[in-house]
């Protein structure tokens, strides 16, 4: 009987800029990322993580950037800073005379 004593808990690696550049140049080109639905993009990232484990740290960066990009261009208005305080709506509308 063989007992596997190798540690499977290795420390998490940090994302590598070179791997990110290779990932976006070969497996996830920007045109594909921009045009694919988010569900398909997430599925593709899971597939890349399974077949190319060296990109495990970089695929979440691509997904996060694409989520941010789509939110930015969705047309929804957002406030940039924290709210200034409660908005008071006690003023009377001007009459049309």
PDB file of N, CA and C in Angstrom:
ATOM      1  N   UNK A   1       0.841  -1.175   0.000  1.00  0.00           N
ATOM      2  CA  UNK A   1       0.000   0.000   0.000  1.00  0.00           C
ATOM      3  C   UNK A   1       0.889   1.242   0.000  1.00  0.00           C
ATOM      4  N   UNK A   2       0.498   2.230  -0.791  1.00  0.00           N
ATOM      5  CA  UNK A   2       1.268   3.457  -0.897  1.00  0.00           C
ATOM      6  C   UNK A   2       0.557   4.555  -0.132  1.00  0.00           C
ATOM      7  N   UNK A   3       1.294   5.219   0.736  1.00  0.00           N
ATOM      8  CA  UNK A   3       0.729   6.300   1.531  1.00  0.00           C
ATOM      9  C   UNK A   3       1.261   7.625   0.991  1.00  0.00           C
ATOM     10  N   UNK A   4       0.380   8.463   0.554  1.00  0.00           N
ATOM     11  CA  UNK A   4       0.782   9.754   0.008  1.00  0.00           C
ATOM     12  C   UNK A   4       1.009  10.733   1.152  1.00  0.00           C
ATOM     13  N   UNK A   5       2.257  11.115   1.337  1.00  0.00           N
ATOM     14  CA  UNK A   5       2.585  12.052   2.412  1.00  0.00           C
ATOM     15  C   UNK A   5       2.918  13.439   1.883  1.00  0.00           C
ATOM     16  N   UNK A   6       2.737  13.643   0.585  1.00  0.00           N
ATOM     17  CA  UNK A   6       3.014  14.960   0.013  1.00  0.00           C
ATOM     18  C   UNK A   6       1.971  15.962   0.500  1.00  0.00           C
ATOM     19  N   UNK A   7       2.436  17.117   0.824  1.00  0.00           N
ATOM     20  CA  UNK A   7       1.530  18.162   1.284  1.00  0.00           C
ATOM     21  C   UNK A   7       0.769  18.744   0.094  1.00  0.00           C
ATOM     22  N   UNK A   8      -0.542  18.681   0.160  1.00  0.00           N
ATOM     23  CA  UNK A   8      -1.361  19.277  -0.902  1.00  0.00           C
ATOM     24  C   UNK A   8      -1.702  20.726  -0.576  1.00  0.00           C
ATOM     25  N   UNK A   9      -1.406  21.137   0.651  1.00  0.00           N
ATOM     26  CA  UNK A   9      -1.692  22.510   1.052  1.00  0.00           C
ATOM     27  C   UNK A   9      -0.440  23.359   0.854  1.00  0.00           C
ATOM     28  N   UNK A  10      -0.275  23.849  -0.327  1.00  0.00           N
ATOM     29  CA  UNK A  10       0.856  24.721  -0.594  1.00  0.00           C
ATOM     30  C   UNK A  10       0.393  26.163  -0.454  1.00  0.00           C
ATOM     31  N   UNK A  11       1.287  27.056  -0.093  1.00  0.00           N
ATOM     32  CA  UNK A  11       0.863  28.451   0.074  1.00  0.00           C
ATOM     33  C   UNK A  11       0.364  29.046  -1.243  1.00  0.00           C
ATOM     34  N   UNK A  12      -0.583  29.942  -1.126  1.00  0.00           N
ATOM     35  CA  UNK A  12      -1.161  30.570  -2.317  1.00  0.00           C
ATOM     36  C   UNK A  12      -0.109  31.436  -3.000  1.00  0.00           C
ATOM     37  N   UNK A  13      -0.061  31.321  -4.296  1.00  0.00           N
ATOM     38  CA  UNK A  13       0.872  32.136  -5.067  1.00  0.00           C
ATOM     39  C   UNK A  13       0.268  33.506  -5.321  1.00  0.00           C
ATOM     40  N   UNK A  14       1.125  34.451  -5.571  1.00  0.00           N
ATOM     41  CA  UNK A  14       0.663  35.787  -5.933  1.00  0.00           C
ATOM     42  C   UNK A  14       0.544  35.867  -7.446  1.00  0.00           C
ATOM     43  N   UNK A  15      -0.368  36.694  -7.959  1.00  0.00           N
ATOM     44  CA  UNK A  15      -0.497  36.835  -9.416  1.00  0.00           C
ATOM     45  C   UNK A  15       0.807  37.351 -10.032  1.00  0.00           C
ATOM     46  N   UNK A  16       1.104  36.840 -11.204  1.00  0.00           N
ATOM     47  CA  UNK A  16       2.329  37.203 -11.915  1.00  0.00           C
ATOM     48  C   UNK A  16       1.951  37.996 -13.163  1.00  0.00           C
ATOM     49  N   UNK A  17       2.581  39.134 -13.351  1.00  0.00           N
ATOM     50  CA  UNK A  17       2.266  39.982 -14.495  1.00  0.00           C
ATOM     51  C   UNK A  17       2.590  39.282 -15.814  1.00  0.00           C
ATOM     52  N   UNK A  18       3.659  38.505 -15.832  1.00  0.00           N
ATOM     53  CA  UNK A  18       4.022  37.782 -17.052  1.00  0.00           C
ATOM     54  C   UNK A  18       2.957  36.736 -17.395  1.00  0.00           C
ATOM     55  N   UNK A  19       2.478  36.001 -16.381  1.00  0.00           N
ATOM     56  CA  UNK A  19       1.421  35.016 -16.630  1.00  0.00           C
ATOM     57  C   UNK A  19       0.126  35.696 -17.067  1.00  0.00           C
ATOM     58  N   UNK A  20      -0.181  36.854 -16.486  1.00  0.00           N
ATOM     59  CA  UNK A  20      -1.382  37.588 -16.881  1.00  0.00           C
ATOM     60  C   UNK A  20      -1.288  38.027 -18.342  1.00  0.00           C
ATOM     61  N   UNK A  21      -0.110  38.490 -18.751  1.00  0.00           N
ATOM     62  CA  UNK A  21       0.076  38.899 -20.143  1.00  0.00           C
ATOM     63  C   UNK A  21      -0.053  37.703 -21.081  1.00  0.00           C
ATOM     64  N   UNK A  22       0.505  36.568 -20.696  1.00  0.00           N
ATOM     65  CA  UNK A  22       0.397  35.364 -21.527  1.00  0.00           C
ATOM     66  C   UNK A  22      -1.043  34.876 -21.594  1.00  0.00           C
ATOM     67  N   UNK A  23      -1.734  34.909 -20.458  1.00  0.00           N
ATOM     68  CA  UNK A  23      -3.135  34.480 -20.410  1.00  0.00           C
ATOM     69  C   UNK A  23      -4.000  35.328 -21.332  1.00  0.00           C
ATOM     70  N   UNK A  24      -3.838  36.651 -21.267  1.00  0.00           N
ATOM     71  CA  UNK A  24      -4.681  37.520 -22.091  1.00  0.00           C
ATOM     72  C   UNK A  24      -4.250  37.539 -23.553  1.00  0.00           C
ATOM     73  N   UNK A  25      -3.040  37.105 -23.838  1.00  0.00           N
ATOM     74  CA  UNK A  25      -2.594  37.061 -25.235  1.00  0.00           C
ATOM     75  C   UNK A  25      -2.974  35.754 -25.915  1.00  0.00           C
ATOM     76  N   UNK A  26      -3.080  34.668 -25.141  1.00  0.00           N
ATOM     77  CA  UNK A  26      -3.303  33.363 -25.771  1.00  0.00           C
ATOM     78  C   UNK A  26      -4.673  32.769 -25.468  1.00  0.00           C
ATOM     79  N   UNK A  27      -5.023  32.644 -24.197  1.00  0.00           N
ATOM     80  CA  UNK A  27      -6.236  31.909 -23.826  1.00  0.00           C
ATOM     81  C   UNK A  27      -7.471  32.795 -23.660  1.00  0.00           C
ATOM     82  N   UNK A  28      -7.291  34.018 -23.221  1.00  0.00           N
ATOM     83  CA  UNK A  28      -8.419  34.942 -23.022  1.00  0.00           C
ATOM     84  C   UNK A  28      -8.106  36.286 -23.680  1.00  0.00           C
ATOM     85  N   UNK A  29      -8.131  36.341 -24.999  1.00  0.00           N
ATOM     86  CA  UNK A  29      -7.862  37.629 -25.651  1.00  0.00           C
ATOM     87  C   UNK A  29      -8.949  38.654 -25.307  1.00  0.00           C
ATOM     88  N   UNK A  30      -8.605  39.935 -25.291  1.00  0.00           N
ATOM     89  CA  UNK A  30      -9.564  40.971 -24.884  1.00  0.00           C
ATOM     90  C   UNK A  30     -10.869  40.961 -25.676  1.00  0.00           C
ATOM     91  N   UNK A  31     -10.817  40.674 -26.963  1.00  0.00           N
ATOM     92  CA  UNK A  31     -12.055  40.656 -27.758  1.00  0.00           C
ATOM     93  C   UNK A  31     -12.991  39.557 -27.269  1.00  0.00           C
ATOM     94  N   UNK A  32     -12.454  38.397 -26.934  1.00  0.00           N
ATOM     95  CA  UNK A  32     -13.279  37.298 -26.426  1.00  0.00           C
ATOM     96  C   UNK A  32     -13.864  37.661 -25.069  1.00  0.00           C
ATOM     97  N   UNK A  33     -13.057  38.275 -24.216  1.00  0.00           N
ATOM     98  CA  UNK A  33     -13.516  38.650 -22.878  1.00  0.00           C
ATOM     99  C   UNK A  33     -14.644  39.675 -22.968  1.00  0.00           C
ATOM    100  N   UNK A  34     -14.515  40.646 -23.867  1.00  0.00           N
ATOM    101  CA  UNK A  34     -15.531  41.696 -23.980  1.00  0.00           C
ATOM    102  C   UNK A  34     -16.835  41.198 -24.587  1.00  0.00           C
ATOM    103  N   UNK A  35     -16.765  40.240 -25.489  1.00  0.00           N
ATOM    104  CA  UNK A  35     -17.965  39.807 -26.207  1.00  0.00           C
ATOM    105  C   UNK A  35     -18.689  38.635 -25.558  1.00  0.00           C
ATOM    106  N   UNK A  36     -18.001  37.840 -24.766  1.00  0.00           N
ATOM    107  CA  UNK A  36     -18.621  36.651 -24.171  1.00  0.00           C
ATOM    108  C   UNK A  36     -19.542  37.052 -23.020  1.00  0.00           C
ATOM    109  N   UNK A  37     -20.677  36.362 -22.863  1.00  0.00           N
ATOM    110  CA  UNK A  37     -21.518  36.593 -21.683  1.00  0.00           C
ATOM    111  C   UNK A  37     -20.734  36.228 -20.417  1.00  0.00           C
ATOM    112  N   UNK A  38     -21.068  36.865 -19.295  1.00  0.00           N
ATOM    113  CA  UNK A  38     -20.310  36.634 -18.065  1.00  0.00           C
ATOM    114  C   UNK A  38     -20.349  35.177 -17.619  1.00  0.00           C
ATOM    115  N   UNK A  39     -21.484  34.515 -17.790  1.00  0.00           N
ATOM    116  CA  UNK A  39     -21.564  33.102 -17.398  1.00  0.00           C
ATOM    117  C   UNK A  39     -20.597  32.257 -18.225  1.00  0.00           C
ATOM    118  N   UNK A  40     -20.520  32.532 -19.512  1.00  0.00           N
ATOM    119  CA  UNK A  40     -19.595  31.802 -20.383  1.00  0.00           C
ATOM    120  C   UNK A  40     -18.145  32.130 -20.035  1.00  0.00           C
ATOM    121  N   UNK A  41     -17.880  33.380 -19.697  1.00  0.00           N
ATOM    122  CA  UNK A  41     -16.526  33.778 -19.319  1.00  0.00           C
ATOM    123  C   UNK A  41     -16.097  33.092 -18.021  1.00  0.00           C
ATOM    124  N   UNK A  42     -17.010  33.010 -17.053  1.00  0.00           N
ATOM    125  CA  UNK A  42     -16.695  32.314 -15.804  1.00  0.00           C
ATOM    126  C   UNK A  42     -16.457  30.831 -16.053  1.00  0.00           C
ATOM    127  N   UNK A  43     -17.261  30.212 -16.923  1.00  0.00           N
ATOM    128  CA  UNK A  43     -17.053  28.807 -17.260  1.00  0.00           C
ATOM    129  C   UNK A  43     -15.698  28.607 -17.916  1.00  0.00           C
ATOM    130  N   UNK A  44     -15.340  29.506 -18.819  1.00  0.00           N
ATOM    131  CA  UNK A  44     -14.047  29.413 -19.506  1.00  0.00           C
ATOM    132  C   UNK A  44     -12.889  29.568 -18.516  1.00  0.00           C
ATOM    133  N   UNK A  45     -13.033  30.453 -17.547  1.00  0.00           N
ATOM    134  CA  UNK A  45     -11.982  30.620 -16.538  1.00  0.00           C
ATOM    135  C   UNK A  45     -11.833  29.365 -15.685  1.00  0.00           C
ATOM    136  N   UNK A  46     -12.952  28.722 -15.333  1.00  0.00           N
ATOM    137  CA  UNK A  46     -12.866  27.458 -14.586  1.00  0.00           C
ATOM    138  C   UNK A  46     -12.175  26.392 -15.425  1.00  0.00           C
ATOM    139  N   UNK A  47     -12.475  26.363 -16.695  1.00  0.00           N
ATOM    140  CA  UNK A  47     -11.837  25.400 -17.594  1.00  0.00           C
ATOM    141  C   UNK A  47     -10.333  25.663 -17.692  1.00  0.00           C
ATOM    142  N   UNK A  48      -9.951  26.923 -17.799  1.00  0.00           N
ATOM    143  CA  UNK A  48      -8.526  27.271 -17.858  1.00  0.00           C
ATOM    144  C   UNK A  48      -7.837  26.897 -16.554  1.00  0.00           C
ATOM    145  N   UNK A  49      -8.490  27.135 -15.420  1.00  0.00           N
ATOM    146  CA  UNK A  49      -7.902  26.766 -14.131  1.00  0.00           C
ATOM    147  C   UNK A  49      -7.664  25.267 -14.032  1.00  0.00           C
ATOM    148  N   UNK A  50      -8.561  24.478 -14.620  1.00  0.00           N
ATOM    149  CA  UNK A  50      -8.404  23.021 -14.565  1.00  0.00           C
ATOM    150  C   UNK A  50      -7.328  22.526 -15.524  1.00  0.00           C
ATOM    151  N   UNK A  51      -7.248  23.121 -16.700  1.00  0.00           N
ATOM    152  CA  UNK A  51      -6.297  22.629 -17.698  1.00  0.00           C
ATOM    153  C   UNK A  51      -4.935  23.309 -17.616  1.00  0.00           C
ATOM    154  N   UNK A  52      -4.896  24.535 -17.140  1.00  0.00           N
ATOM    155  CA  UNK A  52      -3.634  25.280 -17.011  1.00  0.00           C
ATOM    156  C   UNK A  52      -3.547  25.846 -15.592  1.00  0.00           C
ATOM    157  N   UNK A  53      -3.148  25.042 -14.612  1.00  0.00           N
ATOM    158  CA  UNK A  53      -3.170  25.506 -13.219  1.00  0.00           C
ATOM    159  C   UNK A  53      -2.254  26.696 -12.930  1.00  0.00           C
ATOM    160  N   UNK A  54      -1.315  26.971 -13.801  1.00  0.00           N
ATOM    161  CA  UNK A  54      -0.412  28.097 -13.529  1.00  0.00           C
ATOM    162  C   UNK A  54      -1.132  29.439 -13.621  1.00  0.00           C
ATOM    163  N   UNK A  55      -2.331  29.463 -14.235  1.00  0.00           N
ATOM    164  CA  UNK A  55      -3.079  30.717 -14.379  1.00  0.00           C
ATOM    165  C   UNK A  55      -4.167  30.879 -13.316  1.00  0.00           C
ATOM    166  N   UNK A  56      -4.164  30.050 -12.282  1.00  0.00           N
ATOM    167  CA  UNK A  56      -5.211  30.107 -11.252  1.00  0.00           C
ATOM    168  C   UNK A  56      -5.279  31.452 -10.539  1.00  0.00           C
ATOM    169  N   UNK A  57      -4.156  32.103 -10.401  1.00  0.00           N
ATOM    170  CA  UNK A  57      -4.137  33.386  -9.692  1.00  0.00           C
ATOM    171  C   UNK A  57      -4.515  34.550 -10.601  1.00  0.00           C
ATOM    172  N   UNK A  58      -4.405  34.356 -11.912  1.00  0.00           N
ATOM    173  CA  UNK A  58      -4.646  35.451 -12.841  1.00  0.00           C
ATOM    174  C   UNK A  58      -6.079  35.492 -13.381  1.00  0.00           C
ATOM    175  N   UNK A  59      -6.749  34.346 -13.492  1.00  0.00           N
ATOM    176  CA  UNK A  59      -8.111  34.356 -14.045  1.00  0.00           C
ATOM    177  C   UNK A  59      -9.093  35.170 -13.195  1.00  0.00           C
ATOM    178  N   UNK A  60      -9.002  35.156 -11.853  1.00  0.00           N
ATOM    179  CA  UNK A  60      -9.914  36.030 -11.098  1.00  0.00           C
ATOM    180  C   UNK A  60      -9.687  37.515 -11.375  1.00  0.00           C
ATOM    181  N   UNK A  61      -8.452  37.881 -11.707  1.00  0.00           N
ATOM    182  CA  UNK A  61      -8.182  39.283 -12.043  1.00  0.00           C
ATOM    183  C   UNK A  61      -8.887  39.680 -13.336  1.00  0.00           C
ATOM    184  N   UNK A  62      -8.860  38.789 -14.324  1.00  0.00           N
ATOM    185  CA  UNK A  62      -9.532  39.065 -15.599  1.00  0.00           C
ATOM    186  C   UNK A  62     -11.040  39.183 -15.372  1.00  0.00           C
ATOM    187  N   UNK A  63     -11.603  38.272 -14.576  1.00  0.00           N
ATOM    188  CA  UNK A  63     -13.041  38.326 -14.285  1.00  0.00           C
ATOM    189  C   UNK A  63     -13.420  39.605 -13.543  1.00  0.00           C
ATOM    190  N   UNK A  64     -12.639  39.962 -12.535  1.00  0.00           N
ATOM    191  CA  UNK A  64     -12.944  41.168 -11.762  1.00  0.00           C
ATOM    192  C   UNK A  64     -12.863  42.417 -12.634  1.00  0.00           C
ATOM    193  N   UNK A  65     -11.854  42.482 -13.492  1.00  0.00           N
ATOM    194  CA  UNK A  65     -11.727  43.634 -14.384  1.00  0.00           C
ATOM    195  C   UNK A  65     -12.926  43.716 -15.333  1.00  0.00           C
ATOM    196  N   UNK A  66     -13.356  42.568 -15.849  1.00  0.00           N
ATOM    197  CA  UNK A  66     -14.473  42.581 -16.795  1.00  0.00           C
ATOM    198  C   UNK A  66     -15.785  42.953 -16.097  1.00  0.00           C
ATOM    199  N   UNK A  67     -15.982  42.476 -14.868  1.00  0.00           N
ATOM    200  CA  UNK A  67     -17.167  42.886 -14.100  1.00  0.00           C
ATOM    201  C   UNK A  67     -17.162  44.406 -13.902  1.00  0.00           C
ATOM    202  N   UNK A  68     -16.007  44.945 -13.509  1.00  0.00           N
ATOM    203  CA  UNK A  68     -15.889  46.386 -13.306  1.00  0.00           C
ATOM    204  C   UNK A  68     -16.129  47.151 -14.600  1.00  0.00           C
ATOM    205  N   UNK A  69     -15.578  46.673 -15.695  1.00  0.00           N
ATOM    206  CA  UNK A  69     -15.737  47.347 -16.986  1.00  0.00           C
ATOM    207  C   UNK A  69     -17.199  47.362 -17.417  1.00  0.00           C
ATOM    208  N   UNK A  70     -17.879  46.226 -17.251  1.00  0.00           N
ATOM    209  CA  UNK A  70     -19.292  46.162 -17.658  1.00  0.00           C
ATOM    210  C   UNK A  70     -20.172  47.012 -16.765  1.00  0.00           C
ATOM    211  N   UNK A  71     -19.854  47.062 -15.476  1.00  0.00           N
ATOM    212  CA  UNK A  71     -20.612  47.946 -14.587  1.00  0.00           C
ATOM    213  C   UNK A  71     -20.418  49.404 -14.976  1.00  0.00           C
ATOM    214  N   UNK A  72     -19.198  49.755 -15.346  1.00  0.00           N
ATOM    215  CA  UNK A  72     -18.887  51.134 -15.710  1.00  0.00           C
ATOM    216  C   UNK A  72     -19.639  51.559 -16.960  1.00  0.00           C
ATOM    217  N   UNK A  73     -19.786  50.661 -17.923  1.00  0.00           N
ATOM    218  CA  UNK A  73     -20.430  51.010 -19.180  1.00  0.00           C
ATOM    219  C   UNK A  73     -21.889  50.566 -19.262  1.00  0.00           C
ATOM    220  N   UNK A  74     -22.480  50.205 -18.131  1.00  0.00           N
ATOM    221  CA  UNK A  74     -23.865  49.741 -18.156  1.00  0.00           C
ATOM    222  C   UNK A  74     -24.861  50.888 -18.275  1.00  0.00           C
ATOM    223  N   UNK A  75     -24.430  52.107 -18.039  1.00  0.00           N
ATOM    224  CA  UNK A  75     -25.326  53.253 -18.154  1.00  0.00           C
ATOM    225  C   UNK A  75     -26.021  53.611 -16.859  1.00  0.00           C
ATOM    226  N   UNK A  76     -25.729  52.914 -15.779  1.00  0.00           N
ATOM    227  CA  UNK A  76     -26.340  53.200 -14.491  1.00  0.00           C
ATOM    228  C   UNK A  76     -25.562  54.336 -13.833  1.00  0.00           C
ATOM    229  N   UNK A  77     -26.284  55.322 -13.304  1.00  0.00           N
ATOM    230  CA  UNK A  77     -25.630  56.437 -12.627  1.00  0.00           C
ATOM    231  C   UNK A  77     -25.312  56.052 -11.196  1.00  0.00           C
ATOM    232  N   UNK A  78     -24.086  56.374 -10.760  1.00  0.00           N
ATOM    233  CA  UNK A  78     -23.671  56.094  -9.395  1.00  0.00           C
ATOM    234  C   UNK A  78     -22.977  57.325  -8.825  1.00  0.00           C
ATOM    235  N   UNK A  79     -23.081  57.508  -7.529  1.00  0.00           N
ATOM    236  CA  UNK A  79     -22.363  58.579  -6.858  1.00  0.00           C
ATOM    237  C   UNK A  79     -20.930  58.127  -6.624  1.00  0.00           C
ATOM    238  N   UNK A  80     -19.998  59.034  -6.799  1.00  0.00           N
ATOM    239  CA  UNK A  80     -18.592  58.673  -6.661  1.00  0.00           C
ATOM    240  C   UNK A  80     -18.173  58.586  -5.203  1.00  0.00           C
ATOM    241  N   UNK A  81     -18.683  59.447  -4.357  1.00  0.00           N
ATOM    242  CA  UNK A  81     -18.256  59.481  -2.967  1.00  0.00           C
ATOM    243  C   UNK A  81     -19.347  59.014  -2.027  1.00  0.00           C
ATOM    244  N   UNK A  82     -19.056  59.083  -0.737  1.00  0.00           N
ATOM    245  CA  UNK A  82     -20.081  58.705   0.239  1.00  0.00           C
ATOM    246  C   UNK A  82     -21.193  59.749   0.256  1.00  0.00           C
ATOM    247  N   UNK A  83     -22.388  59.359   0.661  1.00  0.00           N
ATOM    248  CA  UNK A  83     -23.496  60.317   0.692  1.00  0.00           C
ATOM    249  C   UNK A  83     -23.204  61.443   1.680  1.00  0.00           C
ATOM    250  N   UNK A  84     -23.628  62.657   1.337  1.00  0.00           N
ATOM    251  CA  UNK A  84     -23.364  63.829   2.166  1.00  0.00           C
ATOM    252  C   UNK A  84     -24.256  63.856   3.400  1.00  0.00           C
ATOM    253  N   UNK A  85     -25.364  63.213   3.362  1.00  0.00           N
ATOM    254  CA  UNK A  85     -26.295  63.223   4.480  1.00  0.00           C
ATOM    255  C   UNK A  85     -27.696  62.978   3.965  1.00  0.00           C
ATOM    256  N   UNK A  86     -28.677  63.049   4.845  1.00  0.00           N
ATOM    257  CA  UNK A  86     -30.052  62.820   4.392  1.00  0.00           C
ATOM    258  C   UNK A  86     -30.527  63.956   3.488  1.00  0.00           C
ATOM    259  N   UNK A  87     -31.298  63.599   2.503  1.00  0.00           N
ATOM    260  CA  UNK A  87     -31.845  64.573   1.560  1.00  0.00           C
ATOM    261  C   UNK A  87     -33.188  65.040   2.088  1.00  0.00           C
ATOM    262  N   UNK A  88     -33.366  66.361   2.188  1.00  0.00           N
ATOM    263  CA  UNK A  88     -34.628  66.911   2.687  1.00  0.00           C
ATOM    264  C   UNK A  88     -35.483  67.318   1.509  1.00  0.00           C
ATOM    265  N   UNK A  89     -36.718  66.873   1.526  1.00  0.00           N
ATOM    266  CA  UNK A  89     -37.653  67.175   0.441  1.00  0.00           C
ATOM    267  C   UNK A  89     -38.853  67.949   0.984  1.00  0.00           C
ATOM    268  N   UNK A  90     -38.622  68.966   1.821  1.00  0.00           N
ATOM    269  CA  UNK A  90     -39.740  69.699   2.406  1.00  0.00           C
ATOM    270  C   UNK A  90     -40.046  71.002   1.667  1.00  0.00           C
ATOM    271  N   UNK A  91     -39.309  71.319   0.641  1.00  0.00           N
ATOM    272  CA  UNK A  91     -39.560  72.550  -0.118  1.00  0.00           C
ATOM    273  C   UNK A  91     -40.802  72.371  -0.986  1.00  0.00           C
ATOM    274  N   UNK A  92     -41.556  73.448  -1.121  1.00  0.00           N
ATOM    275  CA  UNK A  92     -42.760  73.427  -1.941  1.00  0.00           C
ATOM    276  C   UNK A  92     -42.380  73.705  -3.388  1.00  0.00           C
ATOM    277  N   UNK A  93     -42.999  73.031  -4.349  1.00  0.00           N
ATOM    278  CA  UNK A  93     -42.692  73.318  -5.752  1.00  0.00           C
ATOM    279  C   UNK A  93     -43.170  74.718  -6.130  1.00  0.00           C
ATOM    280  N   UNK A  94     -42.472  75.334  -7.045  1.00  0.00           N
ATOM    281  CA  UNK A  94     -42.835  76.683  -7.496  1.00  0.00           C
ATOM    282  C   UNK A  94     -44.147  76.618  -8.262  1.00  0.00           C
ATOM    283  N   UNK A  95     -44.994  77.620  -8.033  1.00  0.00           N
ATOM    284  CA  UNK A  95     -46.279  77.645  -8.741  1.00  0.00           C
ATOM    285  C   UNK A  95     -46.082  78.282 -10.104  1.00  0.00           C
ATOM    286  N   UNK A  96     -46.865  77.852 -11.038  1.00  0.00           N
ATOM    287  CA  UNK A  96     -46.797  78.415 -12.394  1.00  0.00           C
ATOM    288  C   UNK A  96     -47.855  79.506 -12.513  1.00  0.00           C
ATOM    289  N   UNK A  97     -47.430  80.707 -12.477  1.00  0.00           N
ATOM    290  CA  UNK A  97     -48.384  81.812 -12.560  1.00  0.00           C
ATOM    291  C   UNK A  97     -48.265  82.543 -13.865  1.00  0.00           C
TER     292      UNK A  97
END
